[in-house]
Amino acid sequence: MDITKIQNQLQKFAFDRDWEQFHTPKNLAMALSVEASELVEIFQWLNAEESNSPNQKQTEEINSEVADIAMYLLRFCSVLGIDLEKAIESKLERNAEKYPVNLSKGNAQKYNQRGD
């Protein structure tokens, strides 16, 4: 995936429609939250087994919401000048420190809730 290419396409899409004025970090964060909530809504009443095997219609809806989430996230990063790849790499490093394998393997507790 070429993140920069997609961000450029999203910027052009917004520019062509004079939507850049609406793409503030606040608005984009809110839109991102709404799209994530729409993804959650698909799974809301499914049991664990159903959520692991969505039907054709659900899969199409999931794909659409995942795309919306990714596009808003990329647009958000572009507007704020965030290098998404570096942000992810940095967060992975911090998570590895917070959740060492010997304390975290098979344990769903958050790092600050463990009794270590």
PDB file of N, CA and C in Angstrom:
ATOM      1  N   MET A   1       0.843  -1.172   0.000  1.00  0.00           N
ATOM      2  CA  MET A   1       0.000   0.000   0.000  1.00  0.00           C
ATOM      3  C   MET A   1       0.891   1.240   0.000  1.00  0.00           C
ATOM      4  N   ASP A   2       0.603   2.153  -0.869  1.00  0.00           N
ATOM      5  CA  ASP A   2       1.345   3.415  -0.947  1.00  0.00           C
ATOM      6  C   ASP A   2       0.529   4.483  -0.211  1.00  0.00           C
ATOM      7  N   ILE A   3       0.867   4.679   1.049  1.00  0.00           N
ATOM      8  CA  ILE A   3       0.113   5.603   1.905  1.00  0.00           C
ATOM      9  C   ILE A   3       0.127   7.024   1.343  1.00  0.00           C
ATOM     10  N   THR A   4       1.288   7.473   0.893  1.00  0.00           N
ATOM     11  CA  THR A   4       1.395   8.835   0.359  1.00  0.00           C
ATOM     12  C   THR A   4       0.506   9.019  -0.862  1.00  0.00           C
ATOM     13  N   LYS A   5       0.467   8.026  -1.726  1.00  0.00           N
ATOM     14  CA  LYS A   5      -0.393   8.102  -2.921  1.00  0.00           C
ATOM     15  C   LYS A   5      -1.860   8.214  -2.511  1.00  0.00           C
ATOM     16  N   ILE A   6      -2.275   7.407  -1.558  1.00  0.00           N
ATOM     17  CA  ILE A   6      -3.668   7.453  -1.103  1.00  0.00           C
ATOM     18  C   ILE A   6      -3.963   8.798  -0.443  1.00  0.00           C
ATOM     19  N   GLN A   7      -3.040   9.297   0.377  1.00  0.00           N
ATOM     20  CA  GLN A   7      -3.248  10.604   1.009  1.00  0.00           C
ATOM     21  C   GLN A   7      -3.371  11.704  -0.039  1.00  0.00           C
ATOM     22  N   ASN A   8      -2.577  11.626  -1.090  1.00  0.00           N
ATOM     23  CA  ASN A   8      -2.674  12.607  -2.173  1.00  0.00           C
ATOM     24  C   ASN A   8      -4.025  12.512  -2.882  1.00  0.00           C
ATOM     25  N   GLN A   9      -4.513  11.290  -3.093  1.00  0.00           N
ATOM     26  CA  GLN A   9      -5.824  11.108  -3.714  1.00  0.00           C
ATOM     27  C   GLN A   9      -6.927  11.680  -2.825  1.00  0.00           C
ATOM     28  N   LEU A  10      -6.824  11.451  -1.523  1.00  0.00           N
ATOM     29  CA  LEU A  10      -7.813  11.981  -0.591  1.00  0.00           C
ATOM     30  C   LEU A  10      -7.769  13.501  -0.540  1.00  0.00           C
ATOM     31  N   GLN A  11      -6.564  14.061  -0.575  1.00  0.00           N
ATOM     32  CA  GLN A  11      -6.431  15.517  -0.573  1.00  0.00           C
ATOM     33  C   GLN A  11      -7.052  16.113  -1.829  1.00  0.00           C
ATOM     34  N   LYS A  12      -6.788  15.506  -2.986  1.00  0.00           N
ATOM     35  CA  LYS A  12      -7.370  15.992  -4.239  1.00  0.00           C
ATOM     36  C   LYS A  12      -8.890  15.865  -4.206  1.00  0.00           C
ATOM     37  N   PHE A  13      -9.387  14.758  -3.700  1.00  0.00           N
ATOM     38  CA  PHE A  13     -10.829  14.549  -3.586  1.00  0.00           C
ATOM     39  C   PHE A  13     -11.458  15.684  -2.768  1.00  0.00           C
ATOM     40  N   ALA A  14     -10.851  15.993  -1.623  1.00  0.00           N
ATOM     41  CA  ALA A  14     -11.364  17.079  -0.767  1.00  0.00           C
ATOM     42  C   ALA A  14     -11.221  18.430  -1.453  1.00  0.00           C
ATOM     43  N   PHE A  15     -10.068  18.677  -2.084  1.00  0.00           N
ATOM     44  CA  PHE A  15      -9.817  19.955  -2.760  1.00  0.00           C
ATOM     45  C   PHE A  15     -10.826  20.183  -3.883  1.00  0.00           C
ATOM     46  N   ASP A  16     -11.042  19.164  -4.710  1.00  0.00           N
ATOM     47  CA  ASP A  16     -11.961  19.295  -5.847  1.00  0.00           C
ATOM     48  C   ASP A  16     -13.373  19.642  -5.407  1.00  0.00           C
ATOM     49  N   ARG A  17     -13.748  19.281  -4.206  1.00  0.00           N
ATOM     50  CA  ARG A  17     -15.093  19.528  -3.692  1.00  0.00           C
ATOM     51  C   ARG A  17     -15.147  20.715  -2.716  1.00  0.00           C
ATOM     52  N   ASP A  18     -14.018  21.384  -2.558  1.00  0.00           N
ATOM     53  CA  ASP A  18     -13.897  22.493  -1.603  1.00  0.00           C
ATOM     54  C   ASP A  18     -14.262  22.029  -0.196  1.00  0.00           C
ATOM     55  N   TRP A  19     -13.802  20.840   0.152  1.00  0.00           N
ATOM     56  CA  TRP A  19     -14.075  20.275   1.462  1.00  0.00           C
ATOM     57  C   TRP A  19     -12.914  20.448   2.423  1.00  0.00           C
ATOM     58  N   GLU A  20     -11.794  20.954   1.961  1.00  0.00           N
ATOM     59  CA  GLU A  20     -10.648  21.109   2.861  1.00  0.00           C
ATOM     60  C   GLU A  20     -11.008  21.980   4.054  1.00  0.00           C
ATOM     61  N   GLN A  21     -11.906  22.943   3.833  1.00  0.00           N
ATOM     62  CA  GLN A  21     -12.329  23.830   4.920  1.00  0.00           C
ATOM     63  C   GLN A  21     -13.001  23.065   6.055  1.00  0.00           C
ATOM     64  N   PHE A  22     -13.551  21.895   5.743  1.00  0.00           N
ATOM     65  CA  PHE A  22     -14.232  21.082   6.763  1.00  0.00           C
ATOM     66  C   PHE A  22     -13.307  20.035   7.382  1.00  0.00           C
ATOM     67  N   HIS A  23     -12.155  19.831   6.776  1.00  0.00           N
ATOM     68  CA  HIS A  23     -11.245  18.774   7.234  1.00  0.00           C
ATOM     69  C   HIS A  23     -10.280  19.282   8.294  1.00  0.00           C
ATOM     70  N   THR A  24     -10.855  19.758   9.384  1.00  0.00           N
ATOM     71  CA  THR A  24     -10.050  20.155  10.536  1.00  0.00           C
ATOM     72  C   THR A  24      -9.739  18.890  11.337  1.00  0.00           C
ATOM     73  N   PRO A  25      -8.693  18.913  12.141  1.00  0.00           N
ATOM     74  CA  PRO A  25      -8.421  17.734  12.972  1.00  0.00           C
ATOM     75  C   PRO A  25      -9.628  17.323  13.822  1.00  0.00           C
ATOM     76  N   LYS A  26     -10.334  18.297  14.389  1.00  0.00           N
ATOM     77  CA  LYS A  26     -11.515  17.999  15.204  1.00  0.00           C
ATOM     78  C   LYS A  26     -12.571  17.274  14.386  1.00  0.00           C
ATOM     79  N   ASN A  27     -12.905  17.804  13.227  1.00  0.00           N
ATOM     80  CA  ASN A  27     -13.943  17.195  12.399  1.00  0.00           C
ATOM     81  C   ASN A  27     -13.532  15.813  11.899  1.00  0.00           C
ATOM     82  N   LEU A  28     -12.269  15.679  11.519  1.00  0.00           N
ATOM     83  CA  LEU A  28     -11.797  14.385  11.032  1.00  0.00           C
ATOM     84  C   LEU A  28     -11.778  13.345  12.152  1.00  0.00           C
ATOM     85  N   ALA A  29     -11.392  13.759  13.352  1.00  0.00           N
ATOM     86  CA  ALA A  29     -11.410  12.837  14.494  1.00  0.00           C
ATOM     87  C   ALA A  29     -12.839  12.397  14.792  1.00  0.00           C
ATOM     88  N   MET A  30     -13.774  13.330  14.712  1.00  0.00           N
ATOM     89  CA  MET A  30     -15.173  12.991  14.947  1.00  0.00           C
ATOM     90  C   MET A  30     -15.687  12.040  13.876  1.00  0.00           C
ATOM     91  N   ALA A  31     -15.350  12.315  12.619  1.00  0.00           N
ATOM     92  CA  ALA A  31     -15.787  11.448  11.522  1.00  0.00           C
ATOM     93  C   ALA A  31     -15.191  10.056  11.668  1.00  0.00           C
ATOM     94  N   LEU A  32     -13.941   9.994  12.092  1.00  0.00           N
ATOM     95  CA  LEU A  32     -13.276   8.709  12.317  1.00  0.00           C
ATOM     96  C   LEU A  32     -14.014   7.920  13.403  1.00  0.00           C
ATOM     97  N   SER A  33     -14.401   8.588  14.458  1.00  0.00           N
ATOM     98  CA  SER A  33     -15.146   7.944  15.538  1.00  0.00           C
ATOM     99  C   SER A  33     -16.500   7.429  15.057  1.00  0.00           C
ATOM    100  N   VAL A  34     -17.174   8.215  14.253  1.00  0.00           N
ATOM    101  CA  VAL A  34     -18.476   7.807  13.720  1.00  0.00           C
ATOM    102  C   VAL A  34     -18.325   6.553  12.864  1.00  0.00           C
ATOM    103  N   GLU A  35     -17.324   6.542  12.001  1.00  0.00           N
ATOM    104  CA  GLU A  35     -17.123   5.373  11.129  1.00  0.00           C
ATOM    105  C   GLU A  35     -16.745   4.141  11.947  1.00  0.00           C
ATOM    106  N   ALA A  36     -15.934   4.313  12.975  1.00  0.00           N
ATOM    107  CA  ALA A  36     -15.587   3.178  13.844  1.00  0.00           C
ATOM    108  C   ALA A  36     -16.842   2.662  14.543  1.00  0.00           C
ATOM    109  N   SER A  37     -17.719   3.557  14.941  1.00  0.00           N
ATOM    110  CA  SER A  37     -18.973   3.157  15.570  1.00  0.00           C
ATOM    111  C   SER A  37     -19.865   2.396  14.592  1.00  0.00           C
ATOM    112  N   GLU A  38     -19.836   2.786  13.329  1.00  0.00           N
ATOM    113  CA  GLU A  38     -20.618   2.071  12.323  1.00  0.00           C
ATOM    114  C   GLU A  38     -20.080   0.649  12.135  1.00  0.00           C
ATOM    115  N   LEU A  39     -18.775   0.477  12.260  1.00  0.00           N
ATOM    116  CA  LEU A  39     -18.197  -0.862  12.211  1.00  0.00           C
ATOM    117  C   LEU A  39     -18.643  -1.676  13.422  1.00  0.00           C
ATOM    118  N   VAL A  40     -18.611  -1.069  14.590  1.00  0.00           N
ATOM    119  CA  VAL A  40     -19.050  -1.744  15.812  1.00  0.00           C
ATOM    120  C   VAL A  40     -20.510  -2.167  15.685  1.00  0.00           C
ATOM    121  N   GLU A  41     -21.328  -1.327  15.086  1.00  0.00           N
ATOM    122  CA  GLU A  41     -22.757  -1.607  14.951  1.00  0.00           C
ATOM    123  C   GLU A  41     -23.011  -2.911  14.189  1.00  0.00           C
ATOM    124  N   ILE A  42     -22.187  -3.211  13.214  1.00  0.00           N
ATOM    125  CA  ILE A  42     -22.339  -4.449  12.445  1.00  0.00           C
ATOM    126  C   ILE A  42     -22.221  -5.665  13.363  1.00  0.00           C
ATOM    127  N   PHE A  43     -21.342  -5.582  14.344  1.00  0.00           N
ATOM    128  CA  PHE A  43     -21.067  -6.702  15.241  1.00  0.00           C
ATOM    129  C   PHE A  43     -21.895  -6.678  16.524  1.00  0.00           C
ATOM    130  N   GLN A  44     -22.639  -5.611  16.738  1.00  0.00           N
ATOM    131  CA  GLN A  44     -23.283  -5.349  18.021  1.00  0.00           C
ATOM    132  C   GLN A  44     -24.033  -6.545  18.604  1.00  0.00           C
ATOM    133  N   TRP A  45     -24.839  -7.221  17.841  1.00  0.00           N
ATOM    134  CA  TRP A  45     -25.679  -8.282  18.389  1.00  0.00           C
ATOM    135  C   TRP A  45     -25.237  -9.673  17.948  1.00  0.00           C
ATOM    136  N   LEU A  46     -24.045  -9.775  17.383  1.00  0.00           N
ATOM    137  CA  LEU A  46     -23.535 -11.082  16.974  1.00  0.00           C
ATOM    138  C   LEU A  46     -22.863 -11.773  18.147  1.00  0.00           C
ATOM    139  N   ASN A  47     -22.979 -13.084  18.209  1.00  0.00           N
ATOM    140  CA  ASN A  47     -22.215 -13.817  19.212  1.00  0.00           C
ATOM    141  C   ASN A  47     -20.799 -14.020  18.667  1.00  0.00           C
ATOM    142  N   ALA A  48     -19.935 -14.606  19.457  1.00  0.00           N
ATOM    143  CA  ALA A  48     -18.529 -14.754  19.061  1.00  0.00           C
ATOM    144  C   ALA A  48     -18.397 -15.542  17.762  1.00  0.00           C
ATOM    145  N   GLU A  49     -19.145 -16.616  17.637  1.00  0.00           N
ATOM    146  CA  GLU A  49     -19.056 -17.445  16.429  1.00  0.00           C
ATOM    147  C   GLU A  49     -19.515 -16.668  15.198  1.00  0.00           C
ATOM    148  N   GLU A  50     -20.632 -15.970  15.320  1.00  0.00           N
ATOM    149  CA  GLU A  50     -21.147 -15.180  14.197  1.00  0.00           C
ATOM    150  C   GLU A  50     -20.178 -14.074  13.801  1.00  0.00           C
ATOM    151  N   SER A  51     -19.531 -13.470  14.776  1.00  0.00           N
ATOM    152  CA  SER A  51     -18.595 -12.381  14.463  1.00  0.00           C
ATOM    153  C   SER A  51     -17.356 -12.898  13.733  1.00  0.00           C
ATOM    154  N   ASN A  52     -17.026 -14.171  13.935  1.00  0.00           N
ATOM    155  CA  ASN A  52     -15.892 -14.774  13.227  1.00  0.00           C
ATOM    156  C   ASN A  52     -16.242 -15.225  11.817  1.00  0.00           C
ATOM    157  N   SER A  53     -17.529 -15.301  11.513  1.00  0.00           N
ATOM    158  CA  SER A  53     -17.970 -15.774  10.193  1.00  0.00           C
ATOM    159  C   SER A  53     -19.092 -14.885   9.665  1.00  0.00           C
ATOM    160  N   PRO A  54     -18.779 -13.627   9.359  1.00  0.00           N
ATOM    161  CA  PRO A  54     -19.836 -12.743   8.867  1.00  0.00           C
ATOM    162  C   PRO A  54     -20.377 -13.236   7.523  1.00  0.00           C
ATOM    163  N   ASN A  55     -21.662 -12.973   7.292  1.00  0.00           N
ATOM    164  CA  ASN A  55     -22.253 -13.362   6.009  1.00  0.00           C
ATOM    165  C   ASN A  55     -21.815 -12.385   4.914  1.00  0.00           C
ATOM    166  N   GLN A  56     -22.237 -12.647   3.697  1.00  0.00           N
ATOM    167  CA  GLN A  56     -21.822 -11.840   2.534  1.00  0.00           C
ATOM    168  C   GLN A  56     -22.165 -10.368   2.713  1.00  0.00           C
ATOM    169  N   LYS A  57     -23.389 -10.076   3.131  1.00  0.00           N
ATOM    170  CA  LYS A  57     -23.817  -8.677   3.317  1.00  0.00           C
ATOM    171  C   LYS A  57     -22.991  -8.003   4.412  1.00  0.00           C
ATOM    172  N   GLN A  58     -22.789  -8.698   5.517  1.00  0.00           N
ATOM    173  CA  GLN A  58     -21.987  -8.142   6.603  1.00  0.00           C
ATOM    174  C   GLN A  58     -20.550  -7.900   6.155  1.00  0.00           C
ATOM    175  N   THR A  59     -20.001  -8.834   5.387  1.00  0.00           N
ATOM    176  CA  THR A  59     -18.628  -8.680   4.890  1.00  0.00           C
ATOM    177  C   THR A  59     -18.507  -7.446   4.008  1.00  0.00           C
ATOM    178  N   GLU A  60     -19.491  -7.217   3.162  1.00  0.00           N
ATOM    179  CA  GLU A  60     -19.485  -6.018   2.312  1.00  0.00           C
ATOM    180  C   GLU A  60     -19.559  -4.755   3.165  1.00  0.00           C
ATOM    181  N   GLU A  61     -20.416  -4.764   4.186  1.00  0.00           N
ATOM    182  CA  GLU A  61     -20.527  -3.610   5.084  1.00  0.00           C
ATOM    183  C   GLU A  61     -19.232  -3.398   5.860  1.00  0.00           C
ATOM    184  N   ILE A  62     -18.635  -4.480   6.322  1.00  0.00           N
ATOM    185  CA  ILE A  62     -17.365  -4.393   7.058  1.00  0.00           C
ATOM    186  C   ILE A  62     -16.288  -3.787   6.178  1.00  0.00           C
ATOM    187  N   ASN A  63     -16.178  -4.270   4.941  1.00  0.00           N
ATOM    188  CA  ASN A  63     -15.176  -3.734   4.011  1.00  0.00           C
ATOM    189  C   ASN A  63     -15.368  -2.234   3.792  1.00  0.00           C
ATOM    190  N   SER A  64     -16.619  -1.825   3.646  1.00  0.00           N
ATOM    191  CA  SER A  64     -16.915  -0.407   3.427  1.00  0.00           C
ATOM    192  C   SER A  64     -16.531   0.435   4.637  1.00  0.00           C
ATOM    193  N   GLU A  65     -16.874  -0.026   5.828  1.00  0.00           N
ATOM    194  CA  GLU A  65     -16.550   0.729   7.041  1.00  0.00           C
ATOM    195  C   GLU A  65     -15.048   0.758   7.297  1.00  0.00           C
ATOM    196  N   VAL A  66     -14.367  -0.350   7.059  1.00  0.00           N
ATOM    197  CA  VAL A  66     -12.908  -0.381   7.232  1.00  0.00           C
ATOM    198  C   VAL A  66     -12.258   0.626   6.281  1.00  0.00           C
ATOM    199  N   ALA A  67     -12.748   0.694   5.056  1.00  0.00           N
ATOM    200  CA  ALA A  67     -12.207   1.669   4.097  1.00  0.00           C
ATOM    201  C   ALA A  67     -12.447   3.095   4.584  1.00  0.00           C
ATOM    202  N   ASP A  68     -13.661   3.370   5.070  1.00  0.00           N
ATOM    203  CA  ASP A  68     -13.959   4.711   5.590  1.00  0.00           C
ATOM    204  C   ASP A  68     -13.029   5.066   6.747  1.00  0.00           C
ATOM    205  N   ILE A  69     -12.831   4.128   7.656  1.00  0.00           N
ATOM    206  CA  ILE A  69     -11.960   4.363   8.808  1.00  0.00           C
ATOM    207  C   ILE A  69     -10.538   4.661   8.345  1.00  0.00           C
ATOM    208  N   ALA A  70     -10.037   3.846   7.443  1.00  0.00           N
ATOM    209  CA  ALA A  70      -8.670   4.034   6.946  1.00  0.00           C
ATOM    210  C   ALA A  70      -8.525   5.375   6.235  1.00  0.00           C
ATOM    211  N   MET A  71      -9.514   5.735   5.432  1.00  0.00           N
ATOM    212  CA  MET A  71      -9.417   6.999   4.692  1.00  0.00           C
ATOM    213  C   MET A  71      -9.452   8.201   5.635  1.00  0.00           C
ATOM    214  N   TYR A  72     -10.337   8.172   6.617  1.00  0.00           N
ATOM    215  CA  TYR A  72     -10.369   9.282   7.568  1.00  0.00           C
ATOM    216  C   TYR A  72      -9.081   9.341   8.388  1.00  0.00           C
ATOM    217  N   LEU A  73      -8.543   8.192   8.766  1.00  0.00           N
ATOM    218  CA  LEU A  73      -7.289   8.183   9.518  1.00  0.00           C
ATOM    219  C   LEU A  73      -6.150   8.752   8.673  1.00  0.00           C
ATOM    220  N   LEU A  74      -6.073   8.335   7.426  1.00  0.00           N
ATOM    221  CA  LEU A  74      -5.016   8.856   6.554  1.00  0.00           C
ATOM    222  C   LEU A  74      -5.176  10.357   6.315  1.00  0.00           C
ATOM    223  N   ARG A  75      -6.399  10.800   6.147  1.00  0.00           N
ATOM    224  CA  ARG A  75      -6.644  12.236   5.947  1.00  0.00           C
ATOM    225  C   ARG A  75      -6.266  13.012   7.212  1.00  0.00           C
ATOM    226  N   PHE A  76      -6.640  12.486   8.377  1.00  0.00           N
ATOM    227  CA  PHE A  76      -6.301  13.093   9.663  1.00  0.00           C
ATOM    228  C   PHE A  76      -4.782  13.241   9.782  1.00  0.00           C
ATOM    229  N   CYS A  77      -4.065  12.170   9.493  1.00  0.00           N
ATOM    230  CA  CYS A  77      -2.596  12.202   9.571  1.00  0.00           C
ATOM    231  C   CYS A  77      -2.020  13.217   8.597  1.00  0.00           C
ATOM    232  N   SER A  78      -2.570  13.269   7.410  1.00  0.00           N
ATOM    233  CA  SER A  78      -2.091  14.212   6.400  1.00  0.00           C
ATOM    234  C   SER A  78      -2.278  15.653   6.861  1.00  0.00           C
ATOM    235  N   VAL A  79      -3.456  15.967   7.379  1.00  0.00           N
ATOM    236  CA  VAL A  79      -3.757  17.332   7.826  1.00  0.00           C
ATOM    237  C   VAL A  79      -2.830  17.753   8.959  1.00  0.00           C
ATOM    238  N   LEU A  80      -2.507  16.832   9.873  1.00  0.00           N
ATOM    239  CA  LEU A  80      -1.650  17.164  11.014  1.00  0.00           C
ATOM    240  C   LEU A  80      -0.167  16.881  10.770  1.00  0.00           C
ATOM    241  N   GLY A  81       0.169  16.380   9.587  1.00  0.00           N
ATOM    242  CA  GLY A  81       1.574  16.097   9.275  1.00  0.00           C
ATOM    243  C   GLY A  81       2.138  14.921  10.065  1.00  0.00           C
ATOM    244  N   ILE A  82       1.293  13.971  10.398  1.00  0.00           N
ATOM    245  CA  ILE A  82       1.727  12.787  11.143  1.00  0.00           C
ATOM    246  C   ILE A  82       2.218  11.733  10.165  1.00  0.00           C
ATOM    247  N   ASP A  83       3.405  11.220  10.415  1.00  0.00           N
ATOM    248  CA  ASP A  83       3.938  10.108   9.628  1.00  0.00           C
ATOM    249  C   ASP A  83       3.380   8.834  10.250  1.00  0.00           C
ATOM    250  N   LEU A  84       2.373   8.255   9.618  1.00  0.00           N
ATOM    251  CA  LEU A  84       1.669   7.117  10.183  1.00  0.00           C
ATOM    252  C   LEU A  84       2.585   5.924  10.399  1.00  0.00           C
ATOM    253  N   GLU A  85       3.462   5.671   9.455  1.00  0.00           N
ATOM    254  CA  GLU A  85       4.375   4.536   9.595  1.00  0.00           C
ATOM    255  C   GLU A  85       5.275   4.699  10.824  1.00  0.00           C
ATOM    256  N   LYS A  86       5.833   5.898  11.013  1.00  0.00           N
ATOM    257  CA  LYS A  86       6.682   6.146  12.183  1.00  0.00           C
ATOM    258  C   LYS A  86       5.875   6.083  13.478  1.00  0.00           C
ATOM    259  N   ALA A  87       4.653   6.606  13.449  1.00  0.00           N
ATOM    260  CA  ALA A  87       3.804   6.571  14.644  1.00  0.00           C
ATOM    261  C   ALA A  87       3.510   5.132  15.044  1.00  0.00           C
ATOM    262  N   ILE A  88       3.241   4.285  14.060  1.00  0.00           N
ATOM    263  CA  ILE A  88       2.959   2.875  14.349  1.00  0.00           C
ATOM    264  C   ILE A  88       4.199   2.175  14.883  1.00  0.00           C
ATOM    265  N   GLU A  89       5.325   2.409  14.243  1.00  0.00           N
ATOM    266  CA  GLU A  89       6.573   1.778  14.704  1.00  0.00           C
ATOM    267  C   GLU A  89       6.891   2.177  16.134  1.00  0.00           C
ATOM    268  N   SER A  90       6.729   3.449  16.451  1.00  0.00           N
ATOM    269  CA  SER A  90       6.989   3.944  17.796  1.00  0.00           C
ATOM    270  C   SER A  90       6.043   3.304  18.810  1.00  0.00           C
ATOM    271  N   LYS A  91       4.775   3.203  18.449  1.00  0.00           N
ATOM    272  CA  LYS A  91       3.786   2.616  19.357  1.00  0.00           C
ATOM    273  C   LYS A  91       4.059   1.129  19.569  1.00  0.00           C
ATOM    274  N   LEU A  92       4.460   0.428  18.522  1.00  0.00           N
ATOM    275  CA  LEU A  92       4.805  -0.991  18.665  1.00  0.00           C
ATOM    276  C   LEU A  92       5.962  -1.179  19.644  1.00  0.00           C
ATOM    277  N   GLU A  93       6.949  -0.293  19.578  1.00  0.00           N
ATOM    278  CA  GLU A  93       8.085  -0.367  20.505  1.00  0.00           C
ATOM    279  C   GLU A  93       7.631  -0.136  21.940  1.00  0.00           C
ATOM    280  N   ARG A  94       6.781   0.877  22.143  1.00  0.00           N
ATOM    281  CA  ARG A  94       6.274   1.160  23.494  1.00  0.00           C
ATOM    282  C   ARG A  94       5.420   0.005  24.018  1.00  0.00           C
ATOM    283  N   ASN A  95       4.601  -0.574  23.138  1.00  0.00           N
ATOM    284  CA  ASN A  95       3.770  -1.709  23.554  1.00  0.00           C
ATOM    285  C   ASN A  95       4.612  -2.915  23.928  1.00  0.00           C
ATOM    286  N   ALA A  96       5.712  -3.133  23.222  1.00  0.00           N
ATOM    287  CA  ALA A  96       6.589  -4.260  23.544  1.00  0.00           C
ATOM    288  C   ALA A  96       7.177  -4.093  24.941  1.00  0.00           C
ATOM    289  N   GLU A  97       7.458  -2.846  25.330  1.00  0.00           N
ATOM    290  CA  GLU A  97       7.971  -2.577  26.678  1.00  0.00           C
ATOM    291  C   GLU A  97       6.873  -2.738  27.729  1.00  0.00           C
ATOM    292  N   LYS A  98       5.668  -2.267  27.437  1.00  0.00           N
ATOM    293  CA  LYS A  98       4.557  -2.349  28.380  1.00  0.00           C
ATOM    294  C   LYS A  98       4.075  -3.782  28.570  1.00  0.00           C
ATOM    295  N   TYR A  99       4.122  -4.545  27.510  1.00  0.00           N
ATOM    296  CA  TYR A  99       3.566  -5.901  27.512  1.00  0.00           C
ATOM    297  C   TYR A  99       4.640  -6.931  27.169  1.00  0.00           C
ATOM    298  N   PRO A 100       5.604  -7.151  28.061  1.00  0.00           N
ATOM    299  CA  PRO A 100       6.625  -8.156  27.762  1.00  0.00           C
ATOM    300  C   PRO A 100       5.969  -9.534  27.654  1.00  0.00           C
ATOM    301  N   VAL A 101       6.495 -10.350  26.769  1.00  0.00           N
ATOM    302  CA  VAL A 101       5.909 -11.656  26.492  1.00  0.00           C
ATOM    303  C   VAL A 101       5.750 -12.478  27.769  1.00  0.00           C
ATOM    304  N   ASN A 102       6.769 -12.473  28.605  1.00  0.00           N
ATOM    305  CA  ASN A 102       6.710 -13.318  29.809  1.00  0.00           C
ATOM    306  C   ASN A 102       5.593 -12.918  30.768  1.00  0.00           C
ATOM    307  N   LEU A 103       5.128 -11.678  30.721  1.00  0.00           N
ATOM    308  CA  LEU A 103       4.047 -11.235  31.608  1.00  0.00           C
ATOM    309  C   LEU A 103       2.688 -11.159  30.897  1.00  0.00           C
ATOM    310  N   SER A 104       2.728 -11.125  29.580  1.00  0.00           N
ATOM    311  CA  SER A 104       1.508 -10.851  28.830  1.00  0.00           C
ATOM    312  C   SER A 104       0.949 -12.035  28.061  1.00  0.00           C
ATOM    313  N   LYS A 105       1.752 -13.023  27.806  1.00  0.00           N
ATOM    314  CA  LYS A 105       1.308 -14.132  26.968  1.00  0.00           C
ATOM    315  C   LYS A 105       0.083 -14.815  27.584  1.00  0.00           C
ATOM    316  N   GLY A 106      -1.008 -14.831  26.821  1.00  0.00           N
ATOM    317  CA  GLY A 106      -2.240 -15.464  27.275  1.00  0.00           C
ATOM    318  C   GLY A 106      -2.988 -14.692  28.337  1.00  0.00           C
ATOM    319  N   ASN A 107      -2.577 -13.449  28.600  1.00  0.00           N
ATOM    320  CA  ASN A 107      -3.166 -12.640  29.652  1.00  0.00           C
ATOM    321  C   ASN A 107      -3.755 -11.370  29.023  1.00  0.00           C
ATOM    322  N   ALA A 108      -5.051 -11.163  29.154  1.00  0.00           N
ATOM    323  CA  ALA A 108      -5.712 -10.015  28.534  1.00  0.00           C
ATOM    324  C   ALA A 108      -5.733  -8.777  29.416  1.00  0.00           C
ATOM    325  N   GLN A 109      -5.161  -8.862  30.615  1.00  0.00           N
ATOM    326  CA  GLN A 109      -5.179  -7.691  31.497  1.00  0.00           C
ATOM    327  C   GLN A 109      -4.278  -6.582  30.953  1.00  0.00           C
ATOM    328  N   LYS A 110      -4.729  -5.363  31.104  1.00  0.00           N
ATOM    329  CA  LYS A 110      -3.927  -4.215  30.725  1.00  0.00           C
ATOM    330  C   LYS A 110      -2.694  -4.150  31.632  1.00  0.00           C
ATOM    331  N   TYR A 111      -1.612  -3.601  31.116  1.00  0.00           N
ATOM    332  CA  TYR A 111      -0.334  -3.573  31.841  1.00  0.00           C
ATOM    333  C   TYR A 111      -0.445  -2.959  33.238  1.00  0.00           C
ATOM    334  N   ASN A 112      -1.315  -1.972  33.403  1.00  0.00           N
ATOM    335  CA  ASN A 112      -1.415  -1.319  34.709  1.00  0.00           C
ATOM    336  C   ASN A 112      -2.422  -2.006  35.634  1.00  0.00           C
ATOM    337  N   GLN A 113      -2.977  -3.143  35.196  1.00  0.00           N
ATOM    338  CA  GLN A 113      -3.903  -3.904  36.019  1.00  0.00           C
ATOM    339  C   GLN A 113      -3.309  -5.228  36.461  1.00  0.00           C
ATOM    340  N   ARG A 114      -2.128  -5.518  35.998  1.00  0.00           N
ATOM    341  CA  ARG A 114      -1.474  -6.777  36.375  1.00  0.00           C
ATOM    342  C   ARG A 114      -0.954  -6.670  37.796  1.00  0.00           C
ATOM    343  N   GLY A 115      -0.831  -7.776  38.427  1.00  0.00           N
ATOM    344  CA  GLY A 115      -0.329  -7.783  39.804  1.00  0.00           C
ATOM    345  C   GLY A 115       1.150  -8.079  39.856  1.00  0.00           C
ATOM    346  N   ASP A 116       1.949  -7.508  38.931  1.00  0.00           N
ATOM    347  CA  ASP A 116       3.390  -7.808  38.958  1.00  0.00           C
ATOM    348  C   ASP A 116       4.193  -6.753  39.600  1.00  0.00           C
TER     349      ASP A 116
END
